[in-house]
Amino acid sequence: MSDTEQRISQLQQEFKRTDSIAPGLDPVLMKHQKMAMNPFRFLRGSSGLFYADIKNSVLKLPALLTTKIPLTCVIGDCHLSNFGFFTEEGSSGDRVIFAPNDFDDACVGQAVWDWSRLAVSILLAADYCQGIKLGRYVIADELELNSLEVVTSKDAVAAVRSFLSSYVDQCQAILEEPELRYSVLDDFPKNHVLKPVLKKAIKRSAKGEDFLRKSTLAKVADLSARPLTFKQDPVKFSRLSPELYQEVEFTFRPYVSDDILDIVTRQGAGTGSLNMQRYYLLVGPKDIHSEEDLALCHLIEAKQQRDAAPLYFFPDLSPVNRLNAAHLTVDCQRLMQRRPDLVLDEHYWNGAHYLVRSLHHANVDVDPEDVCFAEKAPGEELAEYAEACGRALALSHSRGDRRSLRFEHAVVKYLPKATDALVQACVDYAEQQKTDCELLGQLLKTE
């Protein structure tokens, strides 16, 4: 069997394990179609493969970083678009911060997993935007490219180094002032690439001027209805039968403080979790007397949770990881966030573990197009974004152990020594992901 045939077999095996569908052998899965669009999407949807490749040394992580750095709570699916702006304490808070925003694959693990996955995502984001510029990849939204420059591959590697350097700097700052681990990124200089994104998020918060038009609530709910209901959107939402509605309402009512006004099934959300069952609950008072009362309404997601991606290949790193999938996510998120969502819990129902959590009013994600295109000096803007991710991730990791500074000491001592080796490993693996994306496309065409 050739190397290509072996890799195809591995891809089919991993996708069968995680998605119950093997491309090229089983019916086409929409998730796989989305992943085949470009390598950045492929990375987002193939976290299981990522950890298989770490286990099998396809992604060769420096031994210094896997043996000398203490374990901590990690994101698990750490990539460029899993950072963004949101309000602390979910929809109950007002402070908008920049931080990791997806903990579905969180567990106790190796920090280098997050470092390498984010680094590879930066490299593939640059490739994706270069491909858009050259017509190799398609983009869903209209983007005026004539006046924009795109980052180079050299820029992307420099951004990876900026990410790692800022991570080390943040750990050094925590060593000098331990209380800094409880700080957050809630502002940026006027010309920073994230400043306009921050302003957009603040406007969408409950006290912002765009709350009634562009908040998460406003996008999905009919704010003129009394009581509020979800908008009719058959692409995103499907209605429940009366019997199922009653069952879902009864099951999840104890987790919310107000009335459940409406319930729908969410369809087609995410990439890695595209095929997982999820319900949206519209929560708030039935009696709305003014526009100010609308800020009391919010969204709760009850999402079926599967095991964190790293644990299939690294099951014995920590006894903590033996918690059920939803419980583990809740505990890790509570540790990594300074002020976790006020609605953040887990429930076992119908043979599955469900994660129950707030959907933030001001949630604003960052896409590759936001940080890889610019009117001038796009490489500088990507580096600014990478530095912000480094600081935010270091803060999240550092909260995994709040009793000591062992983690920070090890990072400062060993990560600079292994940076060159780690960057090269990520560059090599990004090329592997490009090949894998092509192979997936070929498999889908044969069906």
Protein backbone atom coordinates (compact mmCIF):
# COMPACT_ATOMS: atom_id res chain seq x y z
CA MET A 1 0.00 0.00 0.00
CA SER A 2 1.40 3.41 -0.99
CA ASP A 3 1.80 6.30 1.45
CA THR A 4 -1.18 8.05 -0.15
CA GLU A 5 -3.35 4.95 0.14
CA GLN A 6 -2.35 4.56 3.78
CA ARG A 7 -3.26 8.16 4.49
CA ILE A 8 -6.62 7.82 2.75
CA SER A 9 -7.32 4.74 4.85
CA GLN A 10 -6.43 6.66 8.01
CA LEU A 11 -8.68 9.57 7.04
CA GLN A 12 -11.58 7.21 6.47
CA GLN A 13 -10.93 5.43 9.74
CA GLU A 14 -10.81 8.64 11.79
CA PHE A 15 -13.89 10.18 10.18
CA LYS A 16 -15.79 6.94 10.67
CA ARG A 17 -14.86 6.99 14.35
CA THR A 18 -15.77 10.63 14.99
CA ASP A 19 -18.61 11.23 12.50
CA SER A 20 -19.94 7.68 11.87
CA ILE A 21 -19.42 8.34 8.14
CA ALA A 22 -16.33 7.31 6.14
CA PRO A 23 -15.88 9.54 3.05
CA GLY A 24 -15.65 7.47 -0.10
CA LEU A 25 -17.33 4.48 1.56
CA ASP A 26 -20.52 5.88 3.11
CA PRO A 27 -23.09 8.52 2.09
CA VAL A 28 -21.85 12.10 1.86
CA LEU A 29 -21.93 14.08 5.12
CA MET A 30 -22.48 17.85 4.94
CA LYS A 31 -19.73 18.35 7.52
CA HIS A 32 -17.21 16.66 5.18
CA GLN A 33 -18.38 18.79 2.26
CA LYS A 34 -17.68 21.92 4.30
CA MET A 35 -14.28 20.57 5.36
CA ALA A 36 -13.26 19.88 1.76
CA MET A 37 -13.76 23.53 0.81
CA ASN A 38 -10.29 24.54 2.06
CA PRO A 39 -7.58 23.33 4.47
CA PHE A 40 -8.54 25.84 7.17
CA ARG A 41 -12.04 24.36 7.32
CA PHE A 42 -10.52 20.89 7.18
CA LEU A 43 -8.46 21.63 10.29
CA ARG A 44 -11.53 22.96 12.11
CA GLY A 45 -13.49 19.78 11.46
CA SER A 46 -10.78 17.19 12.04
CA SER A 47 -9.67 17.60 15.64
CA GLY A 48 -9.76 13.82 16.09
CA LEU A 49 -7.29 13.40 13.23
CA PHE A 50 -5.10 16.11 14.74
CA TYR A 51 -4.65 14.13 17.95
CA ALA A 52 -4.19 10.88 16.06
CA ASP A 53 -1.36 12.58 14.20
CA ILE A 54 0.22 13.78 17.45
CA LYS A 55 -0.01 10.26 18.85
CA ASN A 56 1.54 8.79 15.69
CA SER A 57 4.17 11.55 15.33
CA VAL A 58 2.82 12.80 12.03
CA LEU A 59 2.84 16.10 13.89
CA LYS A 60 6.21 15.87 15.66
CA LEU A 61 5.98 17.99 18.79
CA PRO A 62 9.26 18.80 20.57
CA ALA A 63 9.83 16.41 23.47
CA LEU A 64 10.91 19.32 25.65
CA LEU A 65 7.36 20.68 25.50
CA THR A 66 5.57 17.38 26.11
CA THR A 67 7.74 16.30 29.06
CA LYS A 68 8.78 19.47 30.87
CA ILE A 69 5.59 21.57 30.90
CA PRO A 70 3.05 20.65 33.62
CA LEU A 71 -0.43 19.64 32.51
CA THR A 72 -3.15 22.27 32.60
CA CYS A 73 -6.68 22.81 31.33
CA VAL A 74 -6.51 23.18 27.55
CA ILE A 75 -8.99 24.31 24.91
CA GLY A 76 -8.50 21.15 22.87
CA ASP A 77 -9.80 22.68 19.63
CA CYS A 78 -7.67 25.80 19.70
CA HIS A 79 -7.70 27.64 16.37
CA LEU A 80 -7.81 31.17 15.05
CA SER A 81 -11.61 31.39 14.91
CA ASN A 82 -12.17 29.99 18.40
CA PHE A 83 -11.13 33.31 19.88
CA GLY A 84 -13.46 36.28 19.91
CA PHE A 85 -15.35 38.90 21.85
CA PHE A 86 -18.14 38.16 24.32
CA THR A 87 -19.48 39.37 27.64
CA GLU A 88 -18.20 37.84 30.84
CA GLU A 89 -20.81 35.88 32.82
CA GLY A 90 -22.63 35.09 29.58
CA SER A 91 -25.63 37.24 28.78
CA SER A 92 -25.75 38.36 32.43
CA GLY A 93 -22.63 40.52 32.22
CA ASP A 94 -21.73 43.81 30.57
CA ARG A 95 -17.94 43.69 30.22
CA VAL A 96 -16.87 42.66 26.73
CA ILE A 97 -13.57 40.76 26.60
CA PHE A 98 -11.38 38.99 24.04
CA ALA A 99 -10.66 35.36 24.93
CA PRO A 100 -11.07 31.74 23.79
CA ASN A 101 -14.77 31.12 23.21
CA ASP A 102 -15.20 27.39 22.53
CA PHE A 103 -14.56 24.74 25.17
CA ASP A 104 -16.25 21.72 23.60
CA ASP A 105 -12.95 19.79 23.49
CA ALA A 106 -11.53 21.15 26.73
CA CYS A 107 -9.74 18.74 29.06
CA VAL A 108 -6.65 18.42 31.19
CA GLY A 109 -3.80 18.05 28.75
CA GLN A 110 -0.61 19.36 27.18
CA ALA A 111 -0.45 23.11 26.57
CA VAL A 112 1.58 22.41 23.42
CA TRP A 113 -1.57 20.88 21.89
CA ASP A 114 -3.20 24.30 21.95
CA TRP A 115 -0.03 26.10 20.87
CA SER A 116 0.47 23.86 17.85
CA ARG A 117 -3.18 23.76 16.78
CA LEU A 118 -3.45 27.55 16.89
CA ALA A 119 -0.14 27.90 15.05
CA VAL A 120 -1.24 25.55 12.27
CA SER A 121 -4.54 27.41 12.00
CA ILE A 122 -2.70 30.72 11.50
CA LEU A 123 -0.68 29.18 8.67
CA LEU A 124 -3.80 27.70 7.05
CA ALA A 125 -5.78 30.92 7.49
CA ALA A 126 -3.10 32.71 5.51
CA ASP A 127 -3.22 30.00 2.83
CA TYR A 128 -7.01 30.28 2.70
CA CYS A 129 -6.95 34.03 2.18
CA GLN A 130 -4.18 33.76 -0.39
CA GLY A 131 -6.38 31.19 -2.15
CA ILE A 132 -9.35 33.56 -2.10
CA LYS A 133 -7.22 36.27 -3.70
CA LEU A 134 -6.05 33.86 -6.42
CA GLY A 135 -9.45 32.22 -6.95
CA ARG A 136 -8.39 28.82 -5.57
CA TYR A 137 -10.98 28.95 -2.77
CA VAL A 138 -14.49 30.36 -2.73
CA ILE A 139 -15.87 32.67 -0.07
CA ALA A 140 -19.49 32.77 1.06
CA ASP A 141 -19.66 36.53 1.69
CA GLU A 142 -18.83 39.29 -0.74
CA LEU A 143 -15.42 40.82 -0.09
CA GLU A 144 -13.93 43.69 -2.07
CA LEU A 145 -10.44 42.41 -2.75
CA ASN A 146 -9.12 44.96 -5.24
CA SER A 147 -8.10 47.43 -2.53
CA LEU A 148 -6.83 44.81 -0.07
CA GLU A 149 -3.46 43.16 0.34
CA VAL A 150 -3.16 39.62 1.69
CA VAL A 151 -0.63 38.19 4.12
CA THR A 152 2.27 36.16 2.76
CA SER A 153 3.39 32.77 3.99
CA LYS A 154 6.38 34.52 5.56
CA ASP A 155 3.98 36.85 7.39
CA ALA A 156 2.08 33.84 8.74
CA VAL A 157 5.24 32.22 10.13
CA ALA A 158 6.18 35.53 11.74
CA ALA A 159 2.70 35.72 13.28
CA VAL A 160 3.14 32.23 14.76
CA ARG A 161 6.36 33.41 16.37
CA SER A 162 4.60 36.52 17.66
CA PHE A 163 1.92 34.31 19.20
CA LEU A 164 4.46 32.13 21.01
CA SER A 165 6.54 35.12 22.12
CA SER A 166 3.54 36.96 23.57
CA TYR A 167 2.46 33.76 25.35
CA VAL A 168 5.86 33.55 27.06
CA ASP A 169 5.77 37.27 27.88
CA GLN A 170 2.36 36.89 29.55
CA CYS A 171 3.61 33.96 31.63
CA GLN A 172 6.64 36.03 32.66
CA ALA A 173 4.34 38.89 33.68
CA ILE A 174 2.29 36.48 35.83
CA LEU A 175 5.49 35.26 37.51
CA GLU A 176 6.28 38.86 38.43
CA GLU A 177 2.70 39.65 39.51
CA PRO A 178 0.60 36.49 40.09
CA GLU A 179 -2.68 38.40 40.34
CA LEU A 180 -2.36 39.17 36.62
CA ARG A 181 -3.73 35.70 35.88
CA TYR A 182 -7.11 37.21 36.77
CA SER A 183 -6.78 39.99 34.20
CA VAL A 184 -8.52 40.02 30.82
CA LEU A 185 -8.10 41.65 27.43
CA ASP A 186 -10.86 44.24 27.30
CA ASP A 187 -9.27 47.07 25.34
CA PHE A 188 -6.80 47.65 22.51
CA PRO A 189 -4.94 50.67 21.08
CA LYS A 190 -6.79 52.85 18.59
CA ASN A 191 -5.07 51.43 15.50
CA HIS A 192 -5.05 47.79 16.64
CA VAL A 193 -6.67 45.28 14.28
CA LEU A 194 -9.10 44.24 17.04
CA LYS A 195 -10.22 47.73 18.09
CA PRO A 196 -13.10 47.96 15.54
CA VAL A 197 -14.18 44.40 16.38
CA LEU A 198 -14.29 45.31 20.07
CA LYS A 199 -16.43 48.36 19.31
CA LYS A 200 -18.80 46.18 17.28
CA ALA A 201 -19.18 43.75 20.18
CA ILE A 202 -19.79 46.52 22.72
CA LYS A 203 -22.57 47.91 20.54
CA ARG A 204 -24.26 44.50 20.55
CA SER A 205 -24.16 44.10 24.34
CA ALA A 206 -27.33 44.58 26.38
CA LYS A 207 -26.53 48.26 26.96
CA GLY A 208 -25.23 48.90 23.44
CA GLU A 209 -26.86 50.89 20.68
CA ASP A 210 -27.13 47.88 18.35
CA PHE A 211 -28.60 45.46 20.89
CA LEU A 212 -32.10 45.49 19.35
CA ARG A 213 -30.74 44.99 15.82
CA LYS A 214 -27.52 42.97 15.84
CA SER A 215 -27.21 41.11 19.12
CA THR A 216 -27.43 37.33 19.14
CA LEU A 217 -30.93 37.69 20.57
CA ALA A 218 -32.05 40.14 17.88
CA LYS A 219 -30.75 37.90 15.09
CA VAL A 220 -32.81 34.87 16.07
CA ALA A 221 -35.83 36.17 18.00
CA ASP A 222 -38.89 38.13 16.90
CA LEU A 223 -38.59 41.02 19.34
CA SER A 224 -42.00 42.37 18.38
CA ALA A 225 -43.84 39.21 19.44
CA ARG A 226 -45.40 38.96 22.90
CA PRO A 227 -44.24 36.71 24.35
CA LEU A 228 -41.05 36.52 22.29
CA THR A 229 -40.62 33.68 19.79
CA PHE A 230 -37.90 32.47 17.48
CA LYS A 231 -37.99 33.83 13.95
CA GLN A 232 -39.18 31.55 11.17
CA ASP A 233 -35.90 30.36 9.65
CA PRO A 234 -36.15 26.83 8.24
CA VAL A 235 -32.46 26.84 7.27
CA LYS A 236 -31.28 27.33 10.86
CA PHE A 237 -34.21 26.22 13.00
CA SER A 238 -36.77 23.46 13.01
CA ARG A 239 -39.86 23.35 15.20
CA LEU A 240 -40.42 20.59 17.71
CA SER A 241 -43.46 18.38 17.94
CA PRO A 242 -45.73 19.32 20.88
CA GLU A 243 -44.67 16.19 22.73
CA LEU A 244 -40.93 16.82 22.27
CA TYR A 245 -41.34 20.52 23.10
CA GLN A 246 -42.97 19.63 26.39
CA GLU A 247 -40.24 17.10 27.18
CA VAL A 248 -37.38 19.50 26.39
CA GLU A 249 -39.06 22.29 28.37
CA PHE A 250 -39.52 20.05 31.40
CA THR A 251 -35.96 18.70 31.15
CA PHE A 252 -34.07 21.99 30.98
CA ARG A 253 -36.37 24.34 32.91
CA PRO A 254 -34.46 23.86 36.22
CA TYR A 255 -31.33 25.37 34.64
CA VAL A 256 -32.85 28.76 33.79
CA SER A 257 -34.15 31.48 36.09
CA ASP A 258 -37.00 32.78 33.90
CA ASP A 259 -39.73 31.30 31.75
CA ILE A 260 -38.87 29.33 28.64
CA LEU A 261 -40.66 31.32 25.94
CA ASP A 262 -39.83 29.18 22.89
CA ILE A 263 -37.72 26.18 21.85
CA VAL A 264 -36.28 25.15 18.49
CA THR A 265 -33.73 22.68 17.18
CA ARG A 266 -30.62 24.38 15.81
CA GLN A 267 -29.44 23.00 12.47
CA GLY A 268 -26.14 23.28 10.61
CA ALA A 269 -24.13 25.07 13.31
CA GLY A 270 -20.39 24.63 13.73
CA THR A 271 -17.92 22.48 11.84
CA GLY A 272 -16.41 20.01 14.28
CA SER A 273 -19.74 19.59 16.09
CA LEU A 274 -21.94 19.87 13.02
CA ASN A 275 -23.71 16.56 13.55
CA MET A 276 -24.47 16.95 17.27
CA GLN A 277 -28.03 17.51 18.53
CA ARG A 278 -28.65 20.97 19.94
CA TYR A 279 -31.66 22.92 21.17
CA TYR A 280 -32.05 26.67 21.52
CA LEU A 281 -34.15 27.93 24.42
CA LEU A 282 -35.49 31.48 24.38
CA VAL A 283 -35.63 32.53 28.02
CA GLY A 284 -37.05 35.58 29.77
CA PRO A 285 -40.14 37.12 31.38
CA LYS A 286 -43.43 36.50 29.60
CA ASP A 287 -44.53 40.07 30.29
CA ILE A 288 -42.44 42.61 28.36
CA HIS A 289 -43.43 46.18 29.21
CA SER A 290 -40.65 48.14 27.50
CA GLU A 291 -37.59 47.79 25.28
CA GLU A 292 -35.46 47.83 28.44
CA ASP A 293 -37.15 44.58 29.48
CA LEU A 294 -35.80 42.88 26.34
CA ALA A 295 -32.35 42.89 27.93
CA LEU A 296 -33.74 40.41 30.47
CA CYS A 297 -34.30 37.90 27.67
CA HIS A 298 -31.50 35.66 26.48
CA LEU A 299 -30.64 32.42 24.70
CA ILE A 300 -29.64 29.11 26.26
CA GLU A 301 -28.14 26.28 24.23
CA ALA A 302 -28.59 22.65 25.30
CA LYS A 303 -26.08 20.78 23.20
CA GLN A 304 -25.30 17.09 23.05
CA GLN A 305 -21.69 16.67 24.13
CA ARG A 306 -19.22 14.05 23.00
CA ASP A 307 -15.83 13.18 24.48
CA ALA A 308 -13.11 15.79 24.08
CA ALA A 309 -11.08 15.04 20.96
CA PRO A 310 -7.72 14.41 22.68
CA LEU A 311 -9.04 11.77 25.07
CA TYR A 312 -9.41 8.90 22.61
CA PHE A 313 -5.64 8.96 22.06
CA PHE A 314 -4.55 10.26 25.46
CA PRO A 315 -7.07 8.73 27.91
CA ASP A 316 -4.83 8.38 30.96
CA LEU A 317 -3.19 11.78 31.37
CA SER A 318 -5.39 12.83 34.29
CA PRO A 319 -8.15 11.24 36.40
CA VAL A 320 -10.09 14.49 35.91
CA ASN A 321 -10.63 13.48 32.29
CA ARG A 322 -12.76 10.55 33.44
CA LEU A 323 -15.64 12.97 34.10
CA ASN A 324 -18.47 12.68 31.60
CA ALA A 325 -18.01 14.83 28.50
CA ALA A 326 -20.35 17.66 29.48
CA HIS A 327 -19.15 17.76 33.10
CA LEU A 328 -15.53 17.97 31.96
CA THR A 329 -16.32 20.86 29.63
CA VAL A 330 -18.12 22.73 32.40
CA ASP A 331 -15.28 22.27 34.91
CA CYS A 332 -12.55 23.24 32.45
CA GLN A 333 -14.44 26.29 31.22
CA ARG A 334 -15.05 27.46 34.78
CA LEU A 335 -11.34 27.19 35.52
CA MET A 336 -10.11 28.86 32.34
CA GLN A 337 -12.51 31.80 32.39
CA ARG A 338 -12.15 34.58 34.94
CA ARG A 339 -15.91 35.06 35.28
CA PRO A 340 -17.66 32.04 33.73
CA ASP A 341 -21.14 32.10 32.28
CA LEU A 342 -23.79 32.17 35.00
CA VAL A 343 -25.71 29.53 33.04
CA LEU A 344 -23.15 26.75 32.59
CA ASP A 345 -24.12 23.22 33.58
CA GLU A 346 -24.57 19.66 32.35
CA HIS A 347 -27.49 17.22 32.19
CA TYR A 348 -27.95 13.56 31.21
CA TRP A 349 -31.01 13.03 29.06
CA ASN A 350 -32.17 10.46 26.50
CA GLY A 351 -28.92 8.53 26.71
CA ALA A 352 -26.63 11.52 26.09
CA HIS A 353 -24.80 14.14 28.11
CA TYR A 354 -25.90 17.70 27.34
CA LEU A 355 -23.99 20.92 27.92
CA VAL A 356 -26.29 23.75 29.05
CA ARG A 357 -24.83 27.22 28.51
CA SER A 358 -25.53 30.86 27.72
CA LEU A 359 -25.26 32.27 24.22
CA HIS A 360 -23.79 35.73 24.64
CA HIS A 361 -25.62 38.81 23.39
CA ALA A 362 -22.41 40.40 22.12
CA ASN A 363 -20.68 37.36 20.67
CA VAL A 364 -18.42 38.41 17.76
CA ASP A 365 -16.06 35.84 16.24
CA VAL A 366 -12.93 36.54 14.22
CA ASP A 367 -12.58 34.95 10.78
CA PRO A 368 -9.39 34.59 8.70
CA GLU A 369 -10.61 37.34 6.35
CA ASP A 370 -10.71 39.77 9.29
CA VAL A 371 -7.01 39.45 10.07
CA CYS A 372 -5.34 38.26 6.86
CA PHE A 373 -6.52 41.06 4.52
CA ALA A 374 -5.72 44.74 4.98
CA GLU A 375 -5.38 47.88 2.91
CA LYS A 376 -1.72 47.97 3.90
CA ALA A 377 0.65 45.89 6.04
CA PRO A 378 -1.61 42.84 6.52
CA GLY A 379 1.30 40.96 8.09
CA GLU A 380 1.42 43.47 10.92
CA GLU A 381 -2.30 43.09 11.58
CA LEU A 382 -2.06 39.29 11.64
CA ALA A 383 0.85 39.56 14.08
CA GLU A 384 -1.23 41.86 16.30
CA TYR A 385 -4.02 39.32 16.33
CA ALA A 386 -1.63 36.44 17.04
CA GLU A 387 -0.11 38.38 19.95
CA ALA A 388 -3.57 38.96 21.43
CA CYS A 389 -4.32 35.24 21.12
CA GLY A 390 -1.03 34.45 22.86
CA ARG A 391 -1.84 36.69 25.81
CA ALA A 392 -5.44 35.46 26.09
CA LEU A 393 -4.45 31.80 25.86
CA ALA A 394 -1.69 32.17 28.44
CA LEU A 395 -4.19 33.71 30.86
CA SER A 396 -6.62 30.83 30.28
CA HIS A 397 -3.94 28.17 30.74
CA SER A 398 -2.49 29.84 33.82
CA ARG A 399 -5.81 29.59 35.65
CA GLY A 400 -5.67 25.80 35.46
CA ASP A 401 -3.44 25.84 38.55
CA ARG A 402 -4.16 28.80 40.81
CA ARG A 403 -2.13 27.47 43.74
CA SER A 404 1.35 27.71 42.23
CA LEU A 405 3.44 29.17 39.41
CA ARG A 406 4.97 25.87 38.28
CA PHE A 407 3.32 26.07 34.89
CA GLU A 408 4.50 29.61 34.17
CA HIS A 409 8.05 28.84 35.33
CA ALA A 410 8.25 25.87 32.95
CA VAL A 411 6.85 27.82 30.00
CA VAL A 412 9.34 30.65 30.42
CA LYS A 413 12.22 28.19 30.78
CA TYR A 414 11.45 25.71 28.01
CA LEU A 415 9.20 27.21 25.32
CA PRO A 416 11.83 29.68 24.01
CA LYS A 417 14.33 26.81 23.69
CA ALA A 418 11.90 24.75 21.59
CA THR A 419 10.27 27.53 19.57
CA ASP A 420 12.22 26.90 16.36
CA ALA A 421 11.45 23.18 16.43
CA LEU A 422 7.78 23.80 17.20
CA VAL A 423 7.37 26.35 14.39
CA GLN A 424 8.94 23.97 11.88
CA ALA A 425 6.73 21.10 13.05
CA CYS A 426 3.65 23.29 12.53
CA VAL A 427 4.81 24.43 9.08
CA ASP A 428 5.27 20.79 8.07
CA TYR A 429 1.90 19.77 9.47
CA ALA A 430 0.12 22.62 7.69
CA GLU A 431 1.38 21.14 4.42
CA GLN A 432 0.04 17.74 5.50
CA GLN A 433 -3.36 19.32 6.15
CA LYS A 434 -3.41 20.81 2.66
CA THR A 435 -2.76 17.35 1.22
CA ASP A 436 -5.41 15.82 3.46
CA CYS A 437 -7.98 18.37 2.32
CA GLU A 438 -7.28 17.48 -1.30
CA LEU A 439 -7.61 13.78 -0.50
CA LEU A 440 -10.97 14.39 1.19
CA GLY A 441 -12.17 16.27 -1.88
CA GLN A 442 -11.15 13.39 -4.10
CA LEU A 443 -12.99 10.90 -1.87
CA LEU A 444 -16.19 12.94 -1.96
CA LYS A 445 -16.05 13.12 -5.75
CA THR A 446 -15.92 9.32 -6.00
CA GLU A 447 -19.23 8.88 -4.18
